[in-house]
Amino acid sequence: MTIRLEDLTVNFDERFQLNNINWQIEDNQHWVVTGANGSGKSALAAVLAGAGNCVGGQLSGVPPRVGLVSFEAQAALIEAELKKDDADIMDVIAEGTPVREILLNGETDPALVAELASLFGLESLLDQPFRKLSTGESRKMLLVRALASQPDLLVLDEPFDGLDVHTLAMLQQYLATLVETTPMVLVLNRFDEFPDFITHIAYVDKGRLEHQVDRNDASAYADLYQLLHLKTTDLQVPGADPDAAIAALDPTQPLVKLNGINIKYGDRELIKDLHWTIERNQHWQLSGPNGSGKTGLLSLITGDHPQCYVNDIFVFGFQRGSGESIWQIKQYIGYVSTALQWDYRVGTGLRNVIISGFYDSIGLYTKSTKRQRQIADQWLALLGMSGRADQPFNKLSYGDQRLLLIARAMVKHPPLLILDEPCLGLDDMNRQLVLALIEKICAGTETSVIYVNHHPEDQIQGIDNYLALEAAK
C-alpha cells in the first residue's frame, strides 16, 4: 500500500484550506502529524478518512478500511444521537443508543470488541447509553470501535488526550502490537508522547505540509523538536533584570520619529523625504529591494550613519545633534544582523552568549550575577536548548547561532529590537525557527520590533505595520 497526496488542495467548509500537499505514506511507515494549534494537522489527517472537499491535485491509494478517532468524529456521533431525539415521539424519553450497539456495527469483530472493551475498562458500560458516557469514556469507546474494525490504515487524532495514565500506557503498548500489520498516522502536539514505533514526522503550518522528517535523521529531528517547542510552548519571554534596567523613557513620546529623511550619495538619491514614526509597542516589517536603503535607514536610528546629524531625527527622547552620545542611544536598542553573527566568532558557552547582551559585548568579560544566569537559563528553556548551557557557541548550527543572538539582543528588554534580515542564509527549517521566536517576542514583551526582509508578503503574526522602500533612483 502506498498512499499519495499530490499537489492536493482541500477545502473544509470554506473555513480552512490545505494547500498543495505532497505526501507519500508507505506500508512500513508510521507517521506523526504535528504543528501548532490551527495549523491544519487535524485537517490533514481527516483527509485520509475522506473529509474535506478536494479542489485540486490528487489523492490515491487510500485503503477501503480506515479507522478514525478524532474530536470531530466524537462530535459527529453525538450529533447523530441528538438527531435521533428529534425523530422520537415527543412524550417518550429517549435513552439513546447503547454502547454495545455502536461498537457492534457490522464492521467489527465481536470477540475483538469484547477483548478491547476489557482492556479499556468498558465492560460494565456496554449496555449504557452512549450519551451517558463521560468524555474520557466516549473517547475510549471510539478507540475500541476503530481498533476492532481491524482497519488497513489507522488515523488517530490526539488519541492520548483525556486518558488516564494507565489507559494511555496500555494504548501505546497495544498500538505497538499493530506495527507489523497496520500503518498508523497519529496527530500529536507533544514530542514526549511520540511512540517509539513512529518512523516519520510531518510538520504542518498554515495549511501547508512544511517538513517531512525521518526519525532516524537526528539533526532534522532535533530542529523540528525545537520548532514545535517554540510554536507551542506556554513559556513566556523571560523578564528583565531589575538590577540592570535601562533608564525609563517618557511613555507619551514615540520611540523614533523621522521627519522628511533624506539619504544621498553624490547624485544618487537613496531615500527622499521619508516620514516614519515608531510608537511604543508597535511592530514593523521593513522591506525593499537591494539598494533601497533599508540598512541606511536603520543606521540613522542607531546613530551609525554619517548623515544622521543633517536629518531631523528624534530617538528615545533625544533630538539628534543635541549633545547626546551614541551610547545613550544604543542602550535602548537590541540589534541582530548577519554582520554581527560574522563578528561573534567566540567559543564561549551559550549561557554566556545570552548574558553578554547585558553588556553589549562580544563574549563575556565581566562576572555575571546569579539573576543574570537565571534569566539566561530561562531563555535557553524558551529556545528548547536547556541542558546545552555550556556548549560552545561556535560549534552551533548557523540557525541556532541566530536564535542565541536574538535572545542576546532581547535579554535587557530594549524598547526597540532591530532584526536586520535575520533569516538571511538560513535553510527553511531554521528560518521557521527564527520566525517562531520573533512571533514569541512580539506576543510576549513590551519591546517594539523592526523586522527587516526583502518580502513584504512574508508576514509574521503580531507584526501589523509595514514600510516598503522602493529601489533607489
Protein backbone atom coordinates (compact mmCIF):
# COMPACT_ATOMS: atom_id res chain seq x y z
CA MET A 1 0.00 0.00 0.00
CA THR A 2 1.23 3.43 -0.94
CA ILE A 3 -0.92 6.47 -0.23
CA ARG A 4 -0.11 9.51 -2.36
CA LEU A 5 -1.19 13.11 -1.94
CA GLU A 6 -0.01 15.05 -4.99
CA ASP A 7 -0.42 18.85 -5.10
CA LEU A 8 -3.59 18.28 -3.08
CA THR A 9 -5.72 21.28 -2.12
CA VAL A 10 -8.73 20.64 0.12
CA ASN A 11 -11.44 22.98 1.42
CA PHE A 12 -13.15 22.46 4.76
CA ASP A 13 -16.50 24.29 4.72
CA GLU A 14 -14.73 27.42 3.40
CA ARG A 15 -13.25 27.96 6.88
CA PHE A 16 -9.90 26.36 6.25
CA GLN A 17 -7.85 25.09 3.34
CA LEU A 18 -4.99 22.68 2.95
CA ASN A 19 -2.77 23.86 0.13
CA ASN A 20 -0.59 21.95 -2.34
CA ILE A 21 0.06 18.96 -0.11
CA ASN A 22 2.65 16.47 -1.36
CA TRP A 23 2.95 13.44 0.89
CA GLN A 24 3.57 9.73 0.49
CA ILE A 25 2.84 7.05 3.10
CA GLU A 26 4.35 3.60 2.61
CA ASP A 27 3.36 0.26 4.12
CA ASN A 28 6.22 0.15 6.61
CA GLN A 29 5.86 3.74 7.79
CA HIS A 30 4.12 5.12 10.87
CA TRP A 31 3.71 8.89 10.93
CA VAL A 32 3.07 11.61 13.48
CA VAL A 33 1.47 14.78 12.10
CA THR A 34 2.29 17.75 14.29
CA GLY A 35 2.19 21.54 14.32
CA ALA A 36 0.81 24.46 16.27
CA ASN A 37 -2.88 24.89 17.08
CA GLY A 38 -4.82 25.84 13.95
CA SER A 39 -2.00 24.75 11.64
CA GLY A 40 -4.09 22.15 9.80
CA LYS A 41 -2.66 18.93 11.23
CA SER A 42 -6.10 17.54 12.12
CA ALA A 43 -7.42 18.52 8.70
CA LEU A 44 -4.57 16.66 7.01
CA ALA A 45 -5.28 13.51 8.98
CA ALA A 46 -9.02 13.81 8.31
CA VAL A 47 -8.39 13.91 4.55
CA LEU A 48 -7.16 10.32 4.78
CA ALA A 49 -10.58 9.38 6.18
CA GLY A 50 -12.46 11.14 3.38
CA ALA A 51 -13.09 14.54 4.94
CA GLY A 52 -12.97 17.83 3.06
CA ASN A 53 -13.69 18.89 -0.49
CA CYS A 54 -10.81 18.25 -2.86
CA VAL A 55 -10.48 21.23 -5.23
CA GLY A 56 -7.10 20.44 -6.76
CA GLY A 57 -4.49 17.73 -7.07
CA GLN A 58 -4.90 14.02 -6.44
CA LEU A 59 -5.36 11.63 -3.54
CA SER A 60 -4.73 7.97 -4.33
CA GLY A 61 -4.04 4.68 -2.64
CA VAL A 62 -6.23 5.20 0.45
CA PRO A 63 -7.39 1.72 1.53
CA PRO A 64 -11.10 0.90 1.89
CA ARG A 65 -11.00 0.46 5.66
CA VAL A 66 -9.73 3.48 7.59
CA GLY A 67 -10.11 3.55 11.37
CA LEU A 68 -10.54 7.14 12.58
CA VAL A 69 -10.56 8.55 16.09
CA SER A 70 -10.85 12.33 16.43
CA PHE A 71 -12.74 15.01 18.29
CA GLU A 72 -14.68 15.68 15.09
CA ALA A 73 -15.73 12.02 14.86
CA GLN A 74 -16.76 12.17 18.52
CA ALA A 75 -18.83 15.30 17.84
CA ALA A 76 -20.45 13.69 14.78
CA LEU A 77 -21.54 10.70 16.86
CA ILE A 78 -23.06 13.00 19.48
CA GLU A 79 -24.87 14.98 16.78
CA ALA A 80 -26.28 11.77 15.30
CA GLU A 81 -27.63 10.83 18.71
CA LEU A 82 -29.31 14.23 19.05
CA LYS A 83 -30.96 13.81 15.66
CA LYS A 84 -32.47 10.57 16.90
CA ASP A 85 -34.09 12.60 19.68
CA ASP A 86 -35.74 14.82 17.08
CA ALA A 87 -37.24 11.76 15.41
CA ASP A 88 -38.65 10.33 18.65
CA ILE A 89 -42.22 10.77 19.77
CA MET A 90 -42.46 13.87 21.95
CA ASP A 91 -43.76 12.13 25.09
CA VAL A 92 -41.13 9.36 25.04
CA ILE A 93 -37.87 9.91 26.92
CA ALA A 94 -35.08 8.69 24.62
CA GLU A 95 -32.36 6.65 26.27
CA GLY A 96 -30.03 6.80 23.28
CA THR A 97 -28.04 4.07 21.57
CA PRO A 98 -26.29 1.58 23.85
CA VAL A 99 -22.51 1.42 23.68
CA ARG A 100 -22.62 -2.24 22.65
CA GLU A 101 -24.77 -1.43 19.60
CA ILE A 102 -22.37 1.30 18.44
CA LEU A 103 -19.39 -1.00 18.82
CA LEU A 104 -21.02 -3.99 17.07
CA ASN A 105 -21.85 -2.12 13.88
CA GLY A 106 -21.18 -4.85 11.33
CA GLU A 107 -17.58 -3.76 10.71
CA THR A 108 -16.15 -5.02 13.97
CA ASP A 109 -15.17 -8.46 15.26
CA PRO A 110 -17.34 -9.26 18.34
CA ALA A 111 -14.55 -11.23 20.02
CA LEU A 112 -12.11 -8.40 19.47
CA VAL A 113 -14.69 -5.90 20.74
CA ALA A 114 -15.02 -7.92 23.96
CA GLU A 115 -11.24 -8.13 24.36
CA LEU A 116 -10.72 -4.41 23.79
CA ALA A 117 -13.67 -3.44 26.00
CA SER A 118 -11.99 -5.35 28.80
CA LEU A 119 -8.62 -3.70 28.12
CA PHE A 120 -10.17 -0.23 28.17
CA GLY A 121 -12.37 -0.92 31.20
CA LEU A 122 -15.66 -0.54 29.31
CA GLU A 123 -17.21 -3.95 30.13
CA SER A 124 -19.63 -2.52 32.70
CA LEU A 125 -20.68 0.24 30.33
CA LEU A 126 -21.59 -1.79 27.25
CA ASP A 127 -25.32 -1.62 27.96
CA GLN A 128 -25.24 2.05 28.98
CA PRO A 129 -26.48 4.71 26.54
CA PHE A 130 -23.60 6.33 24.70
CA ARG A 131 -24.78 9.80 25.69
CA LYS A 132 -24.29 8.98 29.37
CA LEU A 133 -20.58 8.31 28.98
CA SER A 134 -18.04 10.79 30.24
CA THR A 135 -15.73 12.50 27.75
CA GLY A 136 -12.93 10.08 28.58
CA GLU A 137 -15.23 7.06 28.37
CA SER A 138 -16.61 8.09 24.98
CA ARG A 139 -13.02 8.58 23.80
CA LYS A 140 -12.21 5.03 24.88
CA MET A 141 -15.30 3.76 23.07
CA LEU A 142 -14.18 5.40 19.80
CA LEU A 143 -10.75 3.83 20.20
CA VAL A 144 -12.29 0.39 20.74
CA ARG A 145 -14.52 0.81 17.69
CA ALA A 146 -11.64 1.88 15.46
CA LEU A 147 -9.28 -0.86 16.65
CA ALA A 148 -11.95 -3.58 16.49
CA SER A 149 -12.66 -2.76 12.84
CA GLN A 150 -9.14 -4.08 12.02
CA PRO A 151 -8.50 -1.21 9.61
CA ASP A 152 -6.00 -1.14 6.77
CA LEU A 153 -4.99 2.35 7.96
CA LEU A 154 -5.40 3.72 11.48
CA VAL A 155 -5.76 7.52 11.86
CA LEU A 156 -5.73 8.72 15.47
CA ASP A 157 -6.09 12.44 16.19
CA GLU A 158 -4.77 13.19 19.70
CA PRO A 159 -5.60 9.66 20.87
CA PHE A 160 -3.97 10.13 24.29
CA ASP A 161 -5.94 13.25 25.28
CA GLY A 162 -8.36 12.66 28.14
CA LEU A 163 -6.93 9.24 29.03
CA ASP A 164 -5.69 8.37 32.49
CA VAL A 165 -2.06 7.32 32.91
CA HIS A 166 -2.84 3.58 33.00
CA THR A 167 -5.00 3.67 29.87
CA LEU A 168 -2.51 5.83 28.00
CA ALA A 169 0.31 3.35 28.67
CA MET A 170 -1.92 0.42 27.72
CA LEU A 171 -2.93 2.08 24.45
CA GLN A 172 0.68 2.78 23.49
CA GLN A 173 1.55 -0.85 24.18
CA TYR A 174 -1.41 -2.11 22.15
CA LEU A 175 -0.59 0.12 19.19
CA ALA A 176 2.95 -1.27 19.23
CA THR A 177 1.48 -4.75 18.57
CA LEU A 178 -0.04 -3.46 15.30
CA VAL A 179 3.20 -2.12 13.86
CA GLU A 180 3.80 -5.08 11.51
CA THR A 181 0.26 -5.14 10.11
CA THR A 182 -1.29 -1.67 10.22
CA PRO A 183 0.17 1.65 9.02
CA MET A 184 -0.65 4.42 11.50
CA VAL A 185 -0.97 8.19 11.31
CA LEU A 186 -1.16 9.92 14.69
CA VAL A 187 -1.85 13.62 15.25
CA LEU A 188 0.09 14.74 18.34
CA ASN A 189 1.17 18.02 19.88
CA ARG A 190 3.66 16.72 22.42
CA PHE A 191 7.01 15.24 21.42
CA ASP A 192 7.17 13.32 24.70
CA GLU A 193 4.07 11.36 23.63
CA PHE A 194 5.55 10.15 20.32
CA PRO A 195 5.51 6.32 20.48
CA ASP A 196 8.81 4.57 19.87
CA PHE A 197 7.49 2.90 16.72
CA ILE A 198 6.93 6.20 14.88
CA THR A 199 9.20 6.32 11.81
CA HIS A 200 8.40 9.74 10.30
CA ILE A 201 7.12 13.16 11.37
CA ALA A 202 5.12 15.59 9.24
CA TYR A 203 5.05 19.22 10.32
CA VAL A 204 2.08 21.33 9.20
CA ASP A 205 1.92 25.12 9.33
CA LYS A 206 -0.82 27.41 8.00
CA GLY A 207 -2.39 24.69 5.89
CA ARG A 208 0.85 23.54 4.28
CA LEU A 209 2.96 20.46 4.83
CA GLU A 210 6.22 22.27 5.54
CA HIS A 211 8.53 19.45 6.68
CA GLN A 212 8.74 15.68 6.46
CA VAL A 213 11.40 14.21 8.73
CA ASP A 214 12.72 10.68 9.04
CA ARG A 215 13.00 10.00 12.75
CA ASN A 216 16.43 8.47 12.22
CA ASP A 217 17.70 11.83 10.94
CA ALA A 218 18.87 13.08 14.33
CA SER A 219 19.74 16.60 13.24
CA ALA A 220 16.46 17.25 11.38
CA TYR A 221 14.50 15.67 14.23
CA ALA A 222 16.18 17.97 16.78
CA ASP A 223 15.41 21.03 14.64
CA LEU A 224 11.77 20.01 14.32
CA TYR A 225 11.53 19.46 18.08
CA GLN A 226 12.88 22.95 18.65
CA LEU A 227 10.48 24.49 16.13
CA LEU A 228 7.45 22.83 17.67
CA HIS A 229 8.68 23.84 21.13
CA LEU A 230 8.87 27.50 20.09
CA LYS A 231 5.48 27.36 18.39
CA THR A 232 3.55 25.68 21.15
CA THR A 233 5.32 26.26 24.47
CA ASP A 234 3.44 28.06 27.19
CA LEU A 235 6.66 29.66 28.42
CA GLN A 236 6.64 33.44 28.25
CA VAL A 237 9.53 35.61 27.19
CA PRO A 238 11.76 35.87 30.30
CA GLY A 239 11.67 39.12 32.26
CA ALA A 240 14.37 41.74 32.55
CA ASP A 241 16.99 42.00 35.26
CA PRO A 242 15.73 44.73 37.63
CA ASP A 243 19.30 45.48 38.71
CA ALA A 244 20.37 46.15 35.13
CA ALA A 245 17.34 48.11 33.99
CA ILE A 246 17.91 50.90 31.50
CA ALA A 247 16.63 54.41 32.17
CA ALA A 248 12.88 54.79 31.71
CA LEU A 249 11.53 56.60 28.66
CA ASP A 250 8.73 59.15 28.51
CA PRO A 251 5.67 56.98 27.73
CA THR A 252 3.98 59.88 25.91
CA GLN A 253 6.75 60.16 23.31
CA PRO A 254 7.32 57.89 20.30
CA LEU A 255 10.41 55.72 20.29
CA VAL A 256 11.51 57.04 16.90
CA LYS A 257 10.34 59.92 14.74
CA LEU A 258 11.98 60.62 11.39
CA ASN A 259 10.85 63.82 9.70
CA GLY A 260 11.46 64.18 5.98
CA ILE A 261 14.57 61.99 5.97
CA ASN A 262 16.99 62.15 3.03
CA ILE A 263 19.99 59.92 2.31
CA LYS A 264 22.08 60.90 -0.67
CA TYR A 265 25.45 59.83 -2.02
CA GLY A 266 26.64 62.29 -4.64
CA ASP A 267 23.98 62.35 -7.34
CA ARG A 268 22.45 59.08 -6.13
CA GLU A 269 19.34 59.63 -4.02
CA LEU A 270 18.77 56.62 -1.80
CA ILE A 271 15.90 57.90 0.34
CA LYS A 272 13.94 61.09 -0.21
CA ASP A 273 11.59 62.91 2.17
CA LEU A 274 10.70 59.86 4.29
CA HIS A 275 8.50 60.31 7.36
CA TRP A 276 8.35 57.40 9.82
CA THR A 277 7.15 57.24 13.41
CA ILE A 278 7.56 54.17 15.61
CA GLU A 279 5.33 54.24 18.66
CA ARG A 280 5.84 52.19 21.79
CA ASN A 281 4.68 48.56 21.45
CA GLN A 282 4.40 48.83 17.67
CA HIS A 283 5.94 46.14 15.49
CA TRP A 284 7.13 46.93 11.96
CA GLN A 285 8.20 44.96 8.93
CA LEU A 286 10.66 46.88 6.75
CA SER A 287 11.18 45.56 3.24
CA GLY A 288 12.52 46.62 -0.12
CA PRO A 289 14.87 45.50 -2.89
CA ASN A 290 18.62 45.53 -2.62
CA GLY A 291 19.93 49.07 -2.58
CA SER A 292 16.64 50.61 -1.46
CA GLY A 293 18.20 51.98 1.74
CA LYS A 294 16.98 49.59 4.43
CA THR A 295 20.31 49.34 6.23
CA GLY A 296 20.99 53.06 5.80
CA LEU A 297 17.63 53.89 7.32
CA LEU A 298 18.35 51.66 10.32
CA SER A 299 21.78 53.22 10.80
CA LEU A 300 20.13 56.64 11.06
CA ILE A 301 18.17 55.27 14.03
CA THR A 302 21.18 53.64 15.69
CA GLY A 303 23.40 56.69 15.13
CA ASP A 304 25.92 54.86 12.93
CA HIS A 305 25.18 56.79 9.71
CA PRO A 306 27.26 59.90 8.93
CA GLN A 307 24.17 61.74 7.70
CA CYS A 308 22.17 61.32 10.92
CA TYR A 309 23.14 64.85 12.05
CA VAL A 310 21.89 66.55 8.86
CA ASN A 311 18.44 64.99 9.24
CA ASP A 312 15.56 65.66 11.62
CA ILE A 313 15.71 62.60 13.87
CA PHE A 314 14.11 62.10 17.28
CA VAL A 315 15.02 58.86 19.08
CA PHE A 316 14.29 57.72 22.64
CA GLY A 317 13.73 61.25 23.89
CA PHE A 318 16.80 62.74 22.17
CA GLN A 319 16.84 65.14 19.25
CA ARG A 320 19.89 64.03 17.29
CA GLY A 321 22.62 66.64 17.45
CA SER A 322 21.61 67.94 20.87
CA GLY A 323 24.71 66.65 22.65
CA GLU A 324 23.66 63.07 23.29
CA SER A 325 26.22 60.27 22.97
CA ILE A 326 25.83 57.27 20.70
CA TRP A 327 25.86 55.01 23.79
CA GLN A 328 22.88 56.85 25.22
CA ILE A 329 21.03 55.84 22.07
CA LYS A 330 22.31 52.28 21.80
CA GLN A 331 21.29 51.34 25.35
CA TYR A 332 17.68 51.33 24.13
CA ILE A 333 18.36 49.11 21.10
CA GLY A 334 18.88 45.40 20.59
CA TYR A 335 20.36 44.60 17.20
CA VAL A 336 20.84 41.39 15.22
CA SER A 337 22.35 41.16 11.75
CA THR A 338 24.40 38.82 9.63
CA ALA A 339 27.42 41.09 10.15
CA LEU A 340 27.08 40.69 13.94
CA GLN A 341 26.98 36.92 13.54
CA TRP A 342 30.16 37.03 11.48
CA ASP A 343 31.84 39.06 14.23
CA TYR A 344 30.61 36.84 17.05
CA ARG A 345 33.19 34.10 16.49
CA VAL A 346 33.82 33.06 20.07
CA GLY A 347 33.81 29.71 21.79
CA THR A 348 32.08 30.86 24.96
CA GLY A 349 29.12 28.83 26.25
CA LEU A 350 25.52 29.52 25.25
CA ARG A 351 24.57 30.89 28.66
CA ASN A 352 27.40 33.41 28.48
CA VAL A 353 26.42 34.48 24.97
CA ILE A 354 22.99 35.50 26.25
CA ILE A 355 24.44 37.19 29.35
CA SER A 356 26.80 39.21 27.12
CA GLY A 357 23.70 41.05 25.91
CA PHE A 358 23.53 42.82 29.28
CA TYR A 359 26.92 44.34 28.47
CA ASP A 360 26.63 44.70 24.66
CA SER A 361 29.89 42.78 24.33
CA ILE A 362 31.09 40.02 22.02
CA GLY A 363 31.95 37.39 24.58
CA LEU A 364 31.63 37.83 28.33
CA TYR A 365 34.42 39.56 30.24
CA THR A 366 32.51 40.54 33.39
CA LYS A 367 31.46 38.23 36.21
CA SER A 368 27.74 37.59 35.81
CA THR A 369 25.21 37.74 38.62
CA LYS A 370 23.03 34.89 39.82
CA ARG A 371 19.96 36.69 38.47
CA GLN A 372 21.54 37.11 35.02
CA ARG A 373 22.38 33.41 34.90
CA GLN A 374 18.80 32.54 35.86
CA ILE A 375 17.41 34.77 33.09
CA ALA A 376 19.83 33.26 30.56
CA ASP A 377 18.69 29.77 31.55
CA GLN A 378 15.06 30.84 31.07
CA TRP A 379 15.93 31.98 27.55
CA LEU A 380 17.63 28.65 26.86
CA ALA A 381 14.46 26.88 28.03
CA LEU A 382 12.35 29.02 25.71
CA LEU A 383 14.64 28.14 22.81
CA GLY A 384 14.48 24.43 23.56
CA MET A 385 18.19 24.46 24.49
CA SER A 386 18.05 23.56 28.17
CA GLY A 387 20.98 21.32 29.04
CA ARG A 388 23.20 22.99 26.42
CA ALA A 389 24.25 26.00 28.52
CA ASP A 390 27.97 25.22 28.35
CA GLN A 391 28.07 24.13 24.72
CA PRO A 392 30.47 26.36 22.72
CA PHE A 393 28.68 28.96 20.61
CA ASN A 394 30.98 28.49 17.63
CA LYS A 395 30.02 24.80 17.46
CA LEU A 396 26.32 25.57 16.94
CA SER A 397 24.49 25.37 13.63
CA TYR A 398 24.06 28.65 11.78
CA GLY A 399 20.37 28.77 12.67
CA ASP A 400 20.90 28.06 16.36
CA GLN A 401 23.54 30.81 16.47
CA ARG A 402 20.95 33.24 15.09
CA LEU A 403 18.44 32.22 17.77
CA LEU A 404 21.03 32.78 20.51
CA LEU A 405 21.93 36.22 19.15
CA ILE A 406 18.26 37.26 19.12
CA ALA A 407 17.98 36.16 22.76
CA ARG A 408 21.20 38.09 23.49
CA ALA A 409 19.68 41.21 21.92
CA MET A 410 16.46 40.77 23.90
CA VAL A 411 17.90 39.90 27.31
CA LYS A 412 17.96 43.52 28.52
CA HIS A 413 14.43 44.09 27.15
CA PRO A 414 15.34 47.06 24.95
CA PRO A 415 12.46 49.30 23.87
CA LEU A 416 13.47 48.61 20.25
CA LEU A 417 14.71 45.34 18.74
CA ILE A 418 16.10 45.60 15.20
CA LEU A 419 16.36 42.34 13.29
CA ASP A 420 18.17 43.08 10.04
CA GLU A 421 17.35 40.20 7.70
CA PRO A 422 17.56 37.62 10.49
CA CYS A 423 16.66 34.76 8.13
CA LEU A 424 19.39 35.50 5.59
CA GLY A 425 21.40 32.37 4.84
CA LEU A 426 19.06 30.05 6.77
CA ASP A 427 17.50 26.89 5.40
CA ASP A 428 13.73 26.61 5.62
CA MET A 429 13.66 24.79 8.96
CA ASN A 430 15.94 27.32 10.66
CA ARG A 431 14.08 30.19 9.02
CA GLN A 432 10.87 28.96 10.64
CA LEU A 433 12.67 28.60 13.96
CA VAL A 434 13.74 32.25 13.82
CA LEU A 435 10.30 33.45 12.73
CA ALA A 436 8.69 31.47 15.56
CA LEU A 437 10.96 33.20 18.07
CA ILE A 438 10.12 36.62 16.61
CA GLU A 439 6.42 35.80 16.95
CA LYS A 440 7.01 34.81 20.57
CA ILE A 441 8.79 38.11 21.24
CA CYS A 442 6.07 40.16 19.56
CA ALA A 443 3.40 38.41 21.62
CA GLY A 444 5.13 38.45 24.98
CA THR A 445 7.04 41.70 25.55
CA GLU A 446 6.83 45.48 25.50
CA THR A 447 9.72 45.61 23.05
CA SER A 448 8.92 47.08 19.63
CA VAL A 449 10.31 45.01 16.78
CA ILE A 450 11.61 46.12 13.39
CA TYR A 451 11.87 43.03 11.23
CA VAL A 452 13.78 43.63 8.00
CA ASN A 453 13.45 41.39 4.97
CA HIS A 454 13.04 41.52 1.21
CA HIS A 455 9.48 40.26 1.03
CA PRO A 456 6.59 42.36 2.38
CA GLU A 457 4.27 39.37 1.90
CA ASP A 458 6.36 37.22 4.28
CA GLN A 459 4.25 38.22 7.25
CA ILE A 460 4.84 37.37 10.89
CA GLN A 461 1.95 37.01 13.30
CA GLY A 462 1.99 40.02 15.62
CA ILE A 463 3.50 42.46 13.12
CA ASP A 464 0.81 44.78 11.83
CA ASN A 465 2.77 47.71 10.39
CA TYR A 466 4.66 47.70 7.11
CA LEU A 467 7.11 50.04 5.43
CA ALA A 468 8.25 49.09 1.92
CA LEU A 469 11.10 51.07 0.40
CA GLU A 470 11.47 51.48 -3.34
CA ALA A 471 14.59 50.95 -5.40
CA ALA A 472 16.95 53.94 -5.38
CA LYS A 473 16.82 56.25 -8.39
